[in-house]
Amino acid sequence: RDNAKNTVYLQMDSLESEDTAIYYCSMNIPS
């Protein structure tokens, strides 16, 4: 995460077919 940019990252390596999906980001701000 980069708090100055209010941004979160997910580096995904060695991807497999089972990783196929819709990926959703969620943040508690605070809800």
All heavy atoms as atom14 arrays in JSON, in Angstrom:
{
  "sequence": "RDNAKNTVYLQMDSLESEDTAIYYCSMNIPS",
  "atom14_mask": [
    [1, 1, 1, 1, 1, 1, 1, 1, 1, 1, 1, 0, 0, 0],
    [1, 1, 1, 1, 1, 1, 1, 1, 0, 0, 0, 0, 0, 0],
    [1, 1, 1, 1, 1, 1, 1, 1, 0, 0, 0, 0, 0, 0],
    [1, 1, 1, 1, 1, 0, 0, 0, 0, 0, 0, 0, 0, 0],
    [1, 1, 1, 1, 1, 1, 1, 1, 1, 0, 0, 0, 0, 0],
    [1, 1, 1, 1, 1, 1, 1, 1, 0, 0, 0, 0, 0, 0],
    [1, 1, 1, 1, 1, 1, 1, 0, 0, 0, 0, 0, 0, 0],
    [1, 1, 1, 1, 1, 1, 1, 0, 0, 0, 0, 0, 0, 0],
    [1, 1, 1, 1, 1, 1, 1, 1, 1, 1, 1, 1, 0, 0],
    [1, 1, 1, 1, 1, 1, 1, 1, 0, 0, 0, 0, 0, 0],
    [1, 1, 1, 1, 1, 1, 1, 1, 1, 0, 0, 0, 0, 0],
    [1, 1, 1, 1, 1, 1, 1, 1, 0, 0, 0, 0, 0, 0],
    [1, 1, 1, 1, 1, 1, 1, 1, 0, 0, 0, 0, 0, 0],
    [1, 1, 1, 1, 1, 1, 0, 0, 0, 0, 0, 0, 0, 0],
    [1, 1, 1, 1, 1, 1, 1, 1, 0, 0, 0, 0, 0, 0],
    [1, 1, 1, 1, 1, 1, 1, 1, 1, 0, 0, 0, 0, 0],
    [1, 1, 1, 1, 1, 1, 0, 0, 0, 0, 0, 0, 0, 0],
    [1, 1, 1, 1, 1, 1, 1, 1, 1, 0, 0, 0, 0, 0],
    [1, 1, 1, 1, 1, 1, 1, 1, 0, 0, 0, 0, 0, 0],
    [1, 1, 1, 1, 1, 1, 1, 0, 0, 0, 0, 0, 0, 0],
    [1, 1, 1, 1, 1, 0, 0, 0, 0, 0, 0, 0, 0, 0],
    [1, 1, 1, 1, 1, 1, 1, 1, 0, 0, 0, 0, 0, 0],
    [1, 1, 1, 1, 1, 1, 1, 1, 1, 1, 1, 1, 0, 0],
    [1, 1, 1, 1, 1, 1, 1, 1, 1, 1, 1, 1, 0, 0],
    [1, 1, 1, 1, 1, 1, 0, 0, 0, 0, 0, 0, 0, 0],
    [1, 1, 1, 1, 1, 1, 0, 0, 0, 0, 0, 0, 0, 0],
    [1, 1, 1, 1, 1, 1, 1, 1, 0, 0, 0, 0, 0, 0],
    [1, 1, 1, 1, 1, 1, 1, 1, 0, 0, 0, 0, 0, 0],
    [1, 1, 1, 1, 1, 1, 1, 1, 0, 0, 0, 0, 0, 0],
    [1, 1, 1, 1, 1, 1, 1, 0, 0, 0, 0, 0, 0, 0],
    [1, 1, 1, 1, 1, 1, 0, 0, 0, 0, 0, 0, 0, 0]
  ],
  "atom14_positions": [
    [[0.83, -1.2, 0.0], [0.0, 0.0, 0.0], [0.87, 1.25, 0.0], [1.98, 1.25, 0.53], [-0.94, 0.02, 1.21], [-0.26, 0.02, 2.56], [-1.29, -0.2, 3.68], [-2.11, 0.98, 3.92], [-3.2, 0.98, 4.69], [-3.61, -0.15, 5.25], [-3.88, 2.1, 4.88], [0.0, 0.0, 0.0], [0.0, 0.0, 0.0], [0.0, 0.0, 0.0]],
    [[0.33, 2.31, -0.61], [0.97, 3.62, -0.61], [-0.02, 4.58, 0.02], [-0.99, 5.02, -0.64], [1.31, 4.04, -2.05], [2.09, 5.35, -2.1], [1.95, 6.18, -1.18], [2.83, 5.55, -3.08], [0.0, 0.0, 0.0], [0.0, 0.0, 0.0], [0.0, 0.0, 0.0], [0.0, 0.0, 0.0], [0.0, 0.0, 0.0], [0.0, 0.0, 0.0]],
    [[0.17, 4.9, 1.28], [-0.8, 5.73, 2.01], [-0.87, 7.15, 1.45], [-1.94, 7.77, 1.47], [-0.45, 5.76, 3.48], [-0.62, 4.41, 4.15], [-1.5, 3.63, 3.78], [0.24, 4.11, 5.1], [0.0, 0.0, 0.0], [0.0, 0.0, 0.0], [0.0, 0.0, 0.0], [0.0, 0.0, 0.0], [0.0, 0.0, 0.0], [0.0, 0.0, 0.0]],
    [[0.22, 7.65, 0.93], [0.23, 9.01, 0.37], [-0.64, 9.1, -0.88], [-1.18, 10.17, -1.19], [1.65, 9.43, 0.05], [0.0, 0.0, 0.0], [0.0, 0.0, 0.0], [0.0, 0.0, 0.0], [0.0, 0.0, 0.0], [0.0, 0.0, 0.0], [0.0, 0.0, 0.0], [0.0, 0.0, 0.0], [0.0, 0.0, 0.0], [0.0, 0.0, 0.0]],
    [[-0.79, 7.98, -1.57], [-1.59, 7.95, -2.79], [-2.94, 7.27, -2.58], [-3.69, 7.09, -3.54], [-0.82, 7.22, -3.9], [0.46, 7.92, -4.33], [1.15, 7.15, -5.45], [2.41, 7.87, -5.9], [3.1, 7.13, -7.01], [0.0, 0.0, 0.0], [0.0, 0.0, 0.0], [0.0, 0.0, 0.0], [0.0, 0.0, 0.0], [0.0, 0.0, 0.0]],
    [[-3.23, 6.86, -1.34], [-4.49, 6.13, -1.05], [-4.67, 4.97, -2.02], [-5.76, 4.76, -2.58], [-5.69, 7.09, -1.13], [-5.67, 8.14, -0.04], [-5.18, 7.9, 1.05], [-6.18, 9.32, -0.35], [0.0, 0.0, 0.0], [0.0, 0.0, 0.0], [0.0, 0.0, 0.0], [0.0, 0.0, 0.0], [0.0, 0.0, 0.0], [0.0, 0.0, 0.0]],
    [[-3.61, 4.22, -2.21], [-3.59, 3.16, -3.23], [-3.1, 1.85, -2.63], [-2.18, 1.85, -1.8], [-2.7, 3.57, -4.41], [-3.23, 4.76, -5.0], [-2.66, 2.47, -5.47], [0.0, 0.0, 0.0], [0.0, 0.0, 0.0], [0.0, 0.0, 0.0], [0.0, 0.0, 0.0], [0.0, 0.0, 0.0], [0.0, 0.0, 0.0], [0.0, 0.0, 0.0]],
    [[-3.71, 0.77, -3.07], [-3.26, -0.57, -2.7], [-2.94, -1.34, -3.97], [-3.59, -1.14, -5.0], [-4.32, -1.31, -1.85], [-5.61, -1.51, -2.63], [-3.79, -2.63, -1.32], [0.0, 0.0, 0.0], [0.0, 0.0, 0.0], [0.0, 0.0, 0.0], [0.0, 0.0, 0.0], [0.0, 0.0, 0.0], [0.0, 0.0, 0.0], [0.0, 0.0, 0.0]],
    [[-1.92, -2.19, -3.89], [-1.47, -2.97, -5.03], [-1.53, -4.45, -4.71], [-1.42, -4.86, -3.56], [-0.02, -2.6, -5.39], [0.21, -1.13, -5.62], [0.69, -0.31, -4.6], [-0.05, -0.55, -6.86], [0.89, 1.05, -4.79], [0.16, 0.81, -7.06], [0.62, 1.6, -6.03], [0.82, 2.95, -6.23], [0.0, 0.0, 0.0], [0.0, 0.0, 0.0]],
    [[-1.65, -5.25, -5.77], [-1.55, -6.69, -5.63], [-0.68, -7.2, -6.77], [-1.12, -7.21, -7.93], [-2.93, -7.36, -5.65], [-2.92, -8.86, -5.36], [-2.52, -9.11, -3.9], [-4.28, -9.49, -5.63], [0.0, 0.0, 0.0], [0.0, 0.0, 0.0], [0.0, 0.0, 0.0], [0.0, 0.0, 0.0], [0.0, 0.0, 0.0], [0.0, 0.0, 0.0]],
    [[0.53, -7.59, -6.43], [1.43, -8.21, -7.42], [1.15, -9.7, -7.43], [1.26, -10.37, -6.4], [2.88, -7.95, -7.03], [3.89, -8.61, -7.94], [3.89, -8.04, -9.35], [3.77, -6.83, -9.53], [4.0, -8.9, -10.34], [0.0, 0.0, 0.0], [0.0, 0.0, 0.0], [0.0, 0.0, 0.0], [0.0, 0.0, 0.0], [0.0, 0.0, 0.0]],
    [[0.77, -10.21, -8.6], [0.4, -11.61, -8.74], [1.38, -12.3, -9.66], [1.46, -11.95, -10.85], [-1.03, -11.74, -9.27], [-2.06, -10.98, -8.45], [-3.75, -11.28, -8.98], [-3.72, -10.47, -10.6], [0.0, 0.0, 0.0], [0.0, 0.0, 0.0], [0.0, 0.0, 0.0], [0.0, 0.0, 0.0], [0.0, 0.0, 0.0], [0.0, 0.0, 0.0]],
    [[2.14, -13.22, -9.14], [3.12, -13.98, -9.91], [2.73, -15.46, -9.95], [1.9, -15.91, -9.15], [4.51, -13.83, -9.29], [4.99, -12.39, -9.25], [4.78, -11.68, -10.27], [5.56, -11.97, -8.23], [0.0, 0.0, 0.0], [0.0, 0.0, 0.0], [0.0, 0.0, 0.0], [0.0, 0.0, 0.0], [0.0, 0.0, 0.0], [0.0, 0.0, 0.0]],
    [[3.34, -16.19, -10.87], [3.07, -17.63, -11.01], [1.57, -17.9, -11.06], [1.06, -18.79, -10.36], [3.71, -18.4, -9.85], [5.1, -18.17, -9.78], [0.0, 0.0, 0.0], [0.0, 0.0, 0.0], [0.0, 0.0, 0.0], [0.0, 0.0, 0.0], [0.0, 0.0, 0.0], [0.0, 0.0, 0.0], [0.0, 0.0, 0.0], [0.0, 0.0, 0.0]],
    [[0.9, -17.15, -11.88], [-0.56, -17.27, -11.94], [-0.99, -18.63, -12.46], [-0.33, -19.23, -13.33], [-1.14, -16.15, -12.8], [-1.21, -14.79, -12.1], [-1.34, -13.65, -13.1], [-2.39, -14.76, -11.13], [0.0, 0.0, 0.0], [0.0, 0.0, 0.0], [0.0, 0.0, 0.0], [0.0, 0.0, 0.0], [0.0, 0.0, 0.0], [0.0, 0.0, 0.0]],
    [[-2.1, -19.09, -11.92], [-2.67, -20.39, -12.28], [-4.1, -20.18, -12.8], [-4.72, -19.15, -12.5], [-2.69, -21.29, -11.03], [-1.34, -21.46, -10.38], [-1.44, -22.11, -9.0], [-2.56, -22.3, -8.5], [-0.37, -22.43, -8.43], [0.0, 0.0, 0.0], [0.0, 0.0, 0.0], [0.0, 0.0, 0.0], [0.0, 0.0, 0.0], [0.0, 0.0, 0.0]],
    [[-4.58, -21.16, -13.52], [-5.94, -21.05, -14.06], [-6.97, -20.85, -12.94], [-7.99, -20.18, -13.14], [-6.29, -22.28, -14.89], [-6.19, -23.45, -14.1], [0.0, 0.0, 0.0], [0.0, 0.0, 0.0], [0.0, 0.0, 0.0], [0.0, 0.0, 0.0], [0.0, 0.0, 0.0], [0.0, 0.0, 0.0], [0.0, 0.0, 0.0], [0.0, 0.0, 0.0]],
    [[-6.67, -21.41, -11.76], [-7.6, -21.28, -10.63], [-7.67, -19.85, -10.09], [-8.54, -19.53, -9.28], [-7.18, -22.22, -9.5], [-7.37, -23.7, -9.79], [-6.29, -24.28, -10.7], [-5.24, -23.59, -10.91], [-6.47, -25.4, -11.2], [0.0, 0.0, 0.0], [0.0, 0.0, 0.0], [0.0, 0.0, 0.0], [0.0, 0.0, 0.0], [0.0, 0.0, 0.0]],
    [[-6.76, -18.99, -10.53], [-6.79, -17.59, -10.11], [-7.75, -16.76, -10.96], [-7.97, -15.57, -10.67], [-5.39, -16.98, -10.2], [-4.4, -17.63, -9.25], [-4.76, -17.88, -8.09], [-3.26, -17.91, -9.69], [0.0, 0.0, 0.0], [0.0, 0.0, 0.0], [0.0, 0.0, 0.0], [0.0, 0.0, 0.0], [0.0, 0.0, 0.0], [0.0, 0.0, 0.0]],
    [[-8.31, -17.35, -12.0], [-9.25, -16.64, -12.84], [-10.48, -16.22, -12.04], [-11.13, -17.05, -11.4], [-9.68, -17.51, -14.03], [-8.54, -17.75, -14.86], [-10.77, -16.83, -14.85], [0.0, 0.0, 0.0], [0.0, 0.0, 0.0], [0.0, 0.0, 0.0], [0.0, 0.0, 0.0], [0.0, 0.0, 0.0], [0.0, 0.0, 0.0], [0.0, 0.0, 0.0]],
    [[-10.77, -14.93, -12.05], [-11.89, -14.4, -11.27], [-12.01, -12.9, -11.52], [-11.13, -12.29, -12.16], [-11.66, -14.64, -9.78], [0.0, 0.0, 0.0], [0.0, 0.0, 0.0], [0.0, 0.0, 0.0], [0.0, 0.0, 0.0], [0.0, 0.0, 0.0], [0.0, 0.0, 0.0], [0.0, 0.0, 0.0], [0.0, 0.0, 0.0], [0.0, 0.0, 0.0]],
    [[-13.08, -12.33, -10.99], [-13.16, -10.88, -10.9], [-12.55, -10.49, -9.56], [-12.93, -11.04, -8.51], [-14.62, -10.39, -10.99], [-15.22, -10.78, -12.34], [-14.67, -8.86, -10.83], [-16.69, -10.46, -12.46], [0.0, 0.0, 0.0], [0.0, 0.0, 0.0], [0.0, 0.0, 0.0], [0.0, 0.0, 0.0], [0.0, 0.0, 0.0], [0.0, 0.0, 0.0]],
    [[-11.62, -9.58, -9.61], [-10.93, -9.13, -8.4], [-11.49, -7.78, -7.96], [-11.58, -6.84, -8.76], [-9.43, -9.03, -8.65], [-8.76, -10.38, -8.67], [-8.99, -11.28, -9.71], [-7.91, -10.78, -7.64], [-8.4, -12.54, -9.71], [-7.31, -12.03, -7.63], [-7.57, -12.9, -8.67], [-6.98, -14.15, -8.67], [0.0, 0.0, 0.0], [0.0, 0.0, 0.0]],
    [[-11.84, -7.7, -6.68], [-12.43, -6.5, -6.11], [-11.51, -5.92, -5.04], [-10.99, -6.65, -4.2], [-13.78, -6.81, -5.47], [-14.83, -7.33, -6.41], [-14.98, -8.69, -6.64], [-15.68, -6.45, -7.08], [-15.94, -9.18, -7.5], [-16.66, -6.92, -7.95], [-16.77, -8.3, -8.15], [-17.73, -8.76, -9.02], [0.0, 0.0, 0.0], [0.0, 0.0, 0.0]],
    [[-11.39, -4.63, -5.06], [-10.66, -3.92, -4.03], [-11.65, -3.47, -2.96], [-12.79, -3.11, -3.28], [-9.98, -2.71, -4.67], [-9.31, -1.51, -3.53], [0.0, 0.0, 0.0], [0.0, 0.0, 0.0], [0.0, 0.0, 0.0], [0.0, 0.0, 0.0], [0.0, 0.0, 0.0], [0.0, 0.0, 0.0], [0.0, 0.0, 0.0], [0.0, 0.0, 0.0]],
    [[-11.21, -3.46, -1.71], [-12.04, -2.97, -0.62], [-11.17, -2.23, 0.38], [-10.04, -2.64, 0.66], [-12.74, -4.14, 0.09], [-13.53, -3.67, 1.17], [0.0, 0.0, 0.0], [0.0, 0.0, 0.0], [0.0, 0.0, 0.0], [0.0, 0.0, 0.0], [0.0, 0.0, 0.0], [0.0, 0.0, 0.0], [0.0, 0.0, 0.0], [0.0, 0.0, 0.0]],
    [[-11.69, -1.13, 0.89], [-10.97, -0.35, 1.89], [-11.91, 0.03, 3.02], [-13.09, 0.35, 2.75], [-10.39, 0.92, 1.27], [-9.38, 0.68, 0.18], [-8.61, 2.24, -0.34], [-7.63, 1.7, -1.75], [0.0, 0.0, 0.0], [0.0, 0.0, 0.0], [0.0, 0.0, 0.0], [0.0, 0.0, 0.0], [0.0, 0.0, 0.0], [0.0, 0.0, 0.0]],
    [[-11.4, 0.06, 4.23], [-12.17, 0.5, 5.39], [-11.86, 1.96, 5.65], [-10.77, 2.32, 6.08], [-11.82, -0.34, 6.61], [-12.29, -1.77, 6.46], [-13.11, -2.08, 5.61], [-11.76, -2.65, 7.29], [0.0, 0.0, 0.0], [0.0, 0.0, 0.0], [0.0, 0.0, 0.0], [0.0, 0.0, 0.0], [0.0, 0.0, 0.0], [0.0, 0.0, 0.0]],
    [[-12.87, 2.83, 5.33], [-12.62, 4.27, 5.37], [-13.66, 5.0, 6.21], [-14.28, 5.97, 5.71], [-12.56, 4.84, 3.94], [-11.78, 3.93, 2.98], [-11.96, 6.22, 3.97], [-11.74, 4.43, 1.56], [0.0, 0.0, 0.0], [0.0, 0.0, 0.0], [0.0, 0.0, 0.0], [0.0, 0.0, 0.0], [0.0, 0.0, 0.0], [0.0, 0.0, 0.0]],
    [[-13.96, 4.74, 7.48], [-13.63, 3.48, 8.12], [-14.58, 2.34, 7.76], [-14.21, 1.18, 7.92], [-13.77, 3.84, 9.6], [-14.84, 4.88, 9.62], [-14.65, 5.68, 8.35], [0.0, 0.0, 0.0], [0.0, 0.0, 0.0], [0.0, 0.0, 0.0], [0.0, 0.0, 0.0], [0.0, 0.0, 0.0], [0.0, 0.0, 0.0], [0.0, 0.0, 0.0]],
    [[-15.78, 2.65, 7.25], [-16.64, 1.54, 6.82], [-16.18, 1.04, 5.46], [-15.44, 1.73, 4.75], [-18.09, 2.0, 6.75], [-18.21, 3.11, 5.9], [0.0, 0.0, 0.0], [0.0, 0.0, 0.0], [0.0, 0.0, 0.0], [0.0, 0.0, 0.0], [0.0, 0.0, 0.0], [0.0, 0.0, 0.0], [0.0, 0.0, 0.0], [0.0, 0.0, 0.0]]
  ]
}
